Amino acid sequence: MQLDLEKVRIYAKKADNRALLDRLTVFKQGMEPAAIEIIKIELLQRGISPADISQHESVYKDLVIRGPEGMPRLCKKCSLPAVSLEWGWLKVFGFIPLIPWQYLFCEEHKKKVK
């Protein structure tokens, strides 16, 4: 399958800084070098320095939950990398609890422990 670099450029122009930083750091393992370079250039044009990129990578490097293949797992509610594994109920028809189940959540959606 051929990588469409024009689609990558369009995505990079439309995406917010957080999504691009995640792609460049957390999801870097599964990306083509040409796509990584396009995202890196877009971030630099937006004023995000290499130091900012390194800081983002160091913050999430050990927090992100990875699957057996080494790729980051995704939040149950969005496409951000998962940082929390929490118990909940697997529900039938969306409301009948069936069995306890583990769910993955990002920083924004994880339960706030008081």
N, C-alpha and C. Protein backbone atom coordinates (compact mmCIF):
# COMPACT_ATOMS: atom_id res chain seq x y z
N MET A 1 0.84 -1.18 0.00
CA MET A 1 0.00 0.00 0.00
C MET A 1 0.89 1.25 0.00
N GLN A 2 0.58 2.18 -0.85
CA GLN A 2 1.38 3.39 -1.01
C GLN A 2 0.88 4.48 -0.05
N LEU A 3 1.81 5.14 0.61
CA LEU A 3 1.47 6.24 1.52
C LEU A 3 1.18 7.49 0.70
N ASP A 4 0.03 8.12 0.95
CA ASP A 4 -0.35 9.35 0.26
C ASP A 4 0.13 10.53 1.10
N LEU A 5 1.26 11.10 0.72
CA LEU A 5 1.86 12.19 1.50
C LEU A 5 1.00 13.45 1.48
N GLU A 6 0.21 13.64 0.43
CA GLU A 6 -0.66 14.81 0.37
C GLU A 6 -1.74 14.73 1.46
N LYS A 7 -2.27 13.53 1.70
CA LYS A 7 -3.25 13.35 2.78
C LYS A 7 -2.61 13.61 4.14
N VAL A 8 -1.36 13.21 4.29
CA VAL A 8 -0.64 13.47 5.54
C VAL A 8 -0.47 14.97 5.75
N ARG A 9 -0.13 15.70 4.68
CA ARG A 9 0.02 17.16 4.78
C ARG A 9 -1.31 17.83 5.16
N ILE A 10 -2.39 17.38 4.54
CA ILE A 10 -3.71 17.94 4.85
C ILE A 10 -4.06 17.67 6.31
N TYR A 11 -3.82 16.44 6.78
CA TYR A 11 -4.08 16.10 8.18
C TYR A 11 -3.25 16.99 9.11
N ALA A 12 -1.97 17.16 8.78
CA ALA A 12 -1.07 17.94 9.62
C ALA A 12 -1.53 19.40 9.70
N LYS A 13 -2.07 19.94 8.62
CA LYS A 13 -2.55 21.33 8.63
C LYS A 13 -3.80 21.48 9.49
N LYS A 14 -4.68 20.46 9.48
CA LYS A 14 -5.96 20.55 10.19
C LYS A 14 -5.87 20.15 11.66
N ALA A 15 -4.96 19.26 11.99
CA ALA A 15 -4.90 18.70 13.35
C ALA A 15 -4.40 19.73 14.36
N ASP A 16 -4.82 19.55 15.61
CA ASP A 16 -4.33 20.44 16.66
C ASP A 16 -2.94 20.00 17.12
N ASN A 17 -2.31 20.86 17.89
CA ASN A 17 -0.93 20.60 18.33
C ASN A 17 -0.81 19.30 19.12
N ARG A 18 -1.76 19.03 19.99
CA ARG A 18 -1.70 17.82 20.82
C ARG A 18 -1.71 16.56 19.96
N ALA A 19 -2.58 16.54 18.95
CA ALA A 19 -2.66 15.36 18.07
C ALA A 19 -1.35 15.17 17.31
N LEU A 20 -0.77 16.26 16.84
CA LEU A 20 0.50 16.16 16.11
C LEU A 20 1.64 15.73 17.03
N LEU A 21 1.66 16.27 18.24
CA LEU A 21 2.70 15.87 19.20
C LEU A 21 2.57 14.39 19.54
N ASP A 22 1.34 13.91 19.72
CA ASP A 22 1.14 12.48 19.98
C ASP A 22 1.61 11.63 18.82
N ARG A 23 1.29 12.04 17.60
CA ARG A 23 1.73 11.29 16.42
C ARG A 23 3.25 11.24 16.34
N LEU A 24 3.88 12.35 16.64
CA LEU A 24 5.33 12.45 16.50
C LEU A 24 6.09 11.73 17.62
N THR A 25 5.46 11.56 18.76
CA THR A 25 6.16 10.96 19.90
C THR A 25 5.59 9.59 20.26
N VAL A 26 4.36 9.54 20.70
CA VAL A 26 3.75 8.31 21.20
C VAL A 26 3.51 7.29 20.09
N PHE A 27 3.00 7.74 18.93
CA PHE A 27 2.65 6.83 17.84
C PHE A 27 3.74 6.72 16.78
N LYS A 28 4.91 7.23 17.07
CA LYS A 28 6.01 7.27 16.10
C LYS A 28 6.39 5.89 15.58
N GLN A 29 6.31 4.88 16.43
CA GLN A 29 6.72 3.52 16.08
C GLN A 29 5.99 2.98 14.86
N GLY A 30 4.74 3.32 14.68
CA GLY A 30 3.95 2.77 13.58
C GLY A 30 3.86 3.67 12.37
N MET A 31 4.70 4.70 12.29
CA MET A 31 4.59 5.68 11.21
C MET A 31 5.75 5.60 10.22
N GLU A 32 5.47 6.03 9.01
CA GLU A 32 6.48 6.12 7.96
C GLU A 32 7.39 7.32 8.22
N PRO A 33 8.68 7.22 7.93
CA PRO A 33 9.60 8.35 8.13
C PRO A 33 9.18 9.62 7.40
N ALA A 34 8.62 9.51 6.21
CA ALA A 34 8.19 10.69 5.46
C ALA A 34 7.05 11.41 6.18
N ALA A 35 6.12 10.65 6.77
CA ALA A 35 5.01 11.25 7.51
C ALA A 35 5.51 11.92 8.78
N ILE A 36 6.47 11.31 9.44
CA ILE A 36 7.06 11.90 10.64
C ILE A 36 7.70 13.24 10.31
N GLU A 37 8.39 13.30 9.20
CA GLU A 37 9.06 14.54 8.79
C GLU A 37 8.04 15.64 8.48
N ILE A 38 6.94 15.30 7.82
CA ILE A 38 5.89 16.28 7.52
C ILE A 38 5.32 16.85 8.81
N ILE A 39 5.04 16.00 9.78
CA ILE A 39 4.48 16.45 11.06
C ILE A 39 5.48 17.30 11.82
N LYS A 40 6.74 16.89 11.80
CA LYS A 40 7.78 17.66 12.48
C LYS A 40 7.89 19.07 11.90
N ILE A 41 7.86 19.18 10.58
CA ILE A 41 7.94 20.49 9.92
C ILE A 41 6.73 21.35 10.28
N GLU A 42 5.53 20.75 10.29
CA GLU A 42 4.32 21.49 10.64
C GLU A 42 4.40 22.02 12.07
N LEU A 43 4.87 21.21 13.00
CA LEU A 43 5.00 21.67 14.38
C LEU A 43 6.01 22.81 14.50
N LEU A 44 7.11 22.70 13.81
CA LEU A 44 8.12 23.77 13.84
C LEU A 44 7.55 25.06 13.26
N GLN A 45 6.75 24.97 12.20
CA GLN A 45 6.12 26.15 11.62
C GLN A 45 5.12 26.79 12.57
N ARG A 46 4.54 26.00 13.44
CA ARG A 46 3.58 26.51 14.44
C ARG A 46 4.28 27.08 15.68
N GLY A 47 5.60 27.01 15.70
CA GLY A 47 6.34 27.55 16.83
C GLY A 47 6.61 26.57 17.95
N ILE A 48 6.38 25.30 17.71
CA ILE A 48 6.67 24.27 18.71
C ILE A 48 8.13 23.87 18.53
N SER A 49 8.92 24.05 19.56
CA SER A 49 10.36 23.80 19.46
C SER A 49 10.69 22.32 19.65
N PRO A 50 11.88 21.90 19.23
CA PRO A 50 12.31 20.52 19.50
C PRO A 50 12.33 20.20 20.99
N ALA A 51 12.59 21.21 21.83
CA ALA A 51 12.56 21.00 23.28
C ALA A 51 11.15 20.68 23.76
N ASP A 52 10.15 21.36 23.18
CA ASP A 52 8.75 21.07 23.52
C ASP A 52 8.36 19.65 23.11
N ILE A 53 8.84 19.23 21.95
CA ILE A 53 8.56 17.88 21.46
C ILE A 53 9.19 16.85 22.39
N SER A 54 10.43 17.09 22.80
CA SER A 54 11.12 16.18 23.71
C SER A 54 10.43 16.11 25.06
N GLN A 55 9.95 17.27 25.54
CA GLN A 55 9.25 17.30 26.82
C GLN A 55 7.96 16.47 26.73
N HIS A 56 7.21 16.63 25.65
CA HIS A 56 5.97 15.85 25.47
C HIS A 56 6.28 14.36 25.45
N GLU A 57 7.34 13.99 24.77
CA GLU A 57 7.73 12.58 24.69
C GLU A 57 8.13 12.04 26.05
N SER A 58 8.88 12.81 26.83
CA SER A 58 9.32 12.33 28.14
C SER A 58 8.15 12.19 29.11
N VAL A 59 7.16 13.07 29.00
CA VAL A 59 6.00 13.00 29.88
C VAL A 59 5.19 11.73 29.60
N TYR A 60 4.97 11.41 28.34
CA TYR A 60 4.08 10.31 27.99
C TYR A 60 4.78 8.98 27.75
N LYS A 61 6.11 8.99 27.69
CA LYS A 61 6.85 7.76 27.37
C LYS A 61 6.51 6.62 28.32
N ASP A 62 6.51 6.89 29.61
CA ASP A 62 6.27 5.84 30.60
C ASP A 62 4.81 5.75 31.03
N LEU A 63 4.01 6.76 30.72
CA LEU A 63 2.60 6.76 31.12
C LEU A 63 1.72 5.92 30.20
N VAL A 64 2.02 5.92 28.92
CA VAL A 64 1.15 5.30 27.92
C VAL A 64 1.13 3.78 28.07
N ILE A 65 -0.06 3.22 28.00
CA ILE A 65 -0.23 1.77 28.05
C ILE A 65 -0.05 1.23 26.64
N ARG A 66 0.81 0.24 26.51
CA ARG A 66 1.11 -0.33 25.19
C ARG A 66 0.61 -1.77 25.12
N GLY A 67 0.25 -2.17 23.91
CA GLY A 67 -0.18 -3.54 23.67
C GLY A 67 1.01 -4.47 23.55
N PRO A 68 0.78 -5.76 23.35
CA PRO A 68 1.87 -6.73 23.26
C PRO A 68 2.83 -6.47 22.10
N GLU A 69 2.35 -5.81 21.05
CA GLU A 69 3.19 -5.51 19.90
C GLU A 69 3.98 -4.21 20.08
N GLY A 70 3.76 -3.53 21.21
CA GLY A 70 4.48 -2.30 21.51
C GLY A 70 3.78 -1.03 21.08
N MET A 71 2.66 -1.15 20.40
CA MET A 71 1.93 0.03 19.95
C MET A 71 1.05 0.56 21.09
N PRO A 72 0.88 1.88 21.17
CA PRO A 72 0.04 2.46 22.22
C PRO A 72 -1.41 2.04 22.06
N ARG A 73 -2.06 1.79 23.18
CA ARG A 73 -3.49 1.49 23.19
C ARG A 73 -4.24 2.81 23.24
N LEU A 74 -5.48 2.81 22.76
CA LEU A 74 -6.27 4.03 22.67
C LEU A 74 -7.33 4.08 23.77
N CYS A 75 -7.70 5.30 24.12
CA CYS A 75 -8.76 5.57 25.08
C CYS A 75 -10.08 5.00 24.56
N LYS A 76 -10.92 4.53 25.48
CA LYS A 76 -12.24 4.00 25.12
C LYS A 76 -13.14 5.08 24.52
N LYS A 77 -12.93 6.35 24.92
CA LYS A 77 -13.83 7.42 24.52
C LYS A 77 -13.29 8.33 23.42
N CYS A 78 -12.00 8.27 23.12
CA CYS A 78 -11.43 9.15 22.09
C CYS A 78 -10.20 8.47 21.48
N SER A 79 -9.47 9.19 20.67
CA SER A 79 -8.31 8.58 19.98
C SER A 79 -6.98 8.96 20.62
N LEU A 80 -7.01 9.48 21.84
CA LEU A 80 -5.77 9.80 22.54
C LEU A 80 -5.17 8.53 23.13
N PRO A 81 -3.87 8.53 23.39
CA PRO A 81 -3.25 7.34 23.99
C PRO A 81 -3.76 7.09 25.40
N ALA A 82 -3.98 5.83 25.72
CA ALA A 82 -4.49 5.44 27.04
C ALA A 82 -3.37 5.49 28.08
N VAL A 83 -3.71 6.03 29.26
CA VAL A 83 -2.76 6.10 30.37
C VAL A 83 -3.31 5.46 31.63
N SER A 84 -4.57 5.00 31.59
CA SER A 84 -5.20 4.45 32.78
C SER A 84 -6.02 3.21 32.41
N LEU A 85 -5.89 2.16 33.21
CA LEU A 85 -6.66 0.93 33.04
C LEU A 85 -7.61 0.84 34.22
N GLU A 86 -8.92 0.86 33.96
CA GLU A 86 -9.91 0.92 35.03
C GLU A 86 -10.98 -0.15 34.83
N TRP A 87 -11.52 -0.60 35.96
CA TRP A 87 -12.59 -1.59 35.92
C TRP A 87 -13.93 -0.91 35.73
N GLY A 88 -14.78 -1.57 34.97
CA GLY A 88 -16.15 -1.14 34.76
C GLY A 88 -16.98 -2.36 34.44
N TRP A 89 -18.16 -2.15 33.91
CA TRP A 89 -19.03 -3.26 33.55
C TRP A 89 -19.19 -3.33 32.04
N LEU A 90 -19.07 -4.54 31.51
CA LEU A 90 -19.43 -4.78 30.11
C LEU A 90 -20.95 -4.90 30.11
N LYS A 91 -21.60 -4.05 29.32
CA LYS A 91 -23.06 -3.99 29.38
C LYS A 91 -23.70 -4.49 28.09
N VAL A 92 -24.79 -5.23 28.27
CA VAL A 92 -25.59 -5.70 27.15
C VAL A 92 -26.59 -4.60 26.80
N PHE A 93 -26.75 -4.31 25.53
CA PHE A 93 -27.65 -3.27 25.06
C PHE A 93 -27.30 -1.89 25.63
N GLY A 94 -26.08 -1.75 26.13
CA GLY A 94 -25.63 -0.46 26.63
C GLY A 94 -26.06 -0.11 28.04
N PHE A 95 -26.87 -0.96 28.70
CA PHE A 95 -27.30 -0.60 30.06
C PHE A 95 -27.43 -1.77 31.02
N ILE A 96 -27.43 -3.02 30.56
CA ILE A 96 -27.55 -4.17 31.46
C ILE A 96 -26.15 -4.69 31.78
N PRO A 97 -25.69 -4.53 33.05
CA PRO A 97 -24.35 -5.00 33.40
C PRO A 97 -24.25 -6.52 33.26
N LEU A 98 -23.20 -6.98 32.59
CA LEU A 98 -23.03 -8.41 32.35
C LEU A 98 -21.86 -8.98 33.15
N ILE A 99 -20.66 -8.49 32.89
CA ILE A 99 -19.47 -8.97 33.59
C ILE A 99 -18.52 -7.80 33.83
N PRO A 100 -17.68 -7.90 34.88
CA PRO A 100 -16.66 -6.86 35.09
C PRO A 100 -15.70 -6.85 33.90
N TRP A 101 -15.26 -5.66 33.51
CA TRP A 101 -14.42 -5.51 32.32
C TRP A 101 -13.41 -4.39 32.55
N GLN A 102 -12.23 -4.53 31.97
CA GLN A 102 -11.23 -3.48 32.08
C GLN A 102 -11.31 -2.56 30.86
N TYR A 103 -11.27 -1.25 31.12
CA TYR A 103 -11.33 -0.25 30.07
C TYR A 103 -10.09 0.64 30.14
N LEU A 104 -9.69 1.14 28.99
CA LEU A 104 -8.54 2.04 28.89
C LEU A 104 -9.04 3.46 28.70
N PHE A 105 -8.39 4.41 29.42
CA PHE A 105 -8.78 5.81 29.30
C PHE A 105 -7.55 6.70 29.17
N CYS A 106 -7.72 7.82 28.48
CA CYS A 106 -6.65 8.81 28.35
C CYS A 106 -6.62 9.69 29.60
N GLU A 107 -5.72 10.64 29.60
CA GLU A 107 -5.58 11.57 30.73
C GLU A 107 -6.87 12.35 30.97
N GLU A 108 -7.56 12.73 29.91
CA GLU A 108 -8.78 13.53 30.04
C GLU A 108 -9.97 12.73 30.56
N HIS A 109 -10.06 11.46 30.19
CA HIS A 109 -11.24 10.66 30.52
C HIS A 109 -11.07 9.71 31.71
N LYS A 110 -9.87 9.60 32.25
CA LYS A 110 -9.70 8.69 33.38
C LYS A 110 -10.44 9.23 34.59
N LYS A 111 -10.82 8.31 35.46
CA LYS A 111 -11.56 8.71 36.66
C LYS A 111 -10.65 9.52 37.57
N LYS A 112 -11.21 10.55 38.11
CA LYS A 112 -10.46 11.39 39.05
C LYS A 112 -10.60 10.81 40.45
N VAL A 113 -9.51 10.31 41.01
CA VAL A 113 -9.52 9.73 42.35
C VAL A 113 -9.37 10.86 43.36
N LYS A 114 -10.27 10.89 44.32
CA LYS A 114 -10.23 11.97 45.32
C LYS A 114 -9.38 11.58 46.50
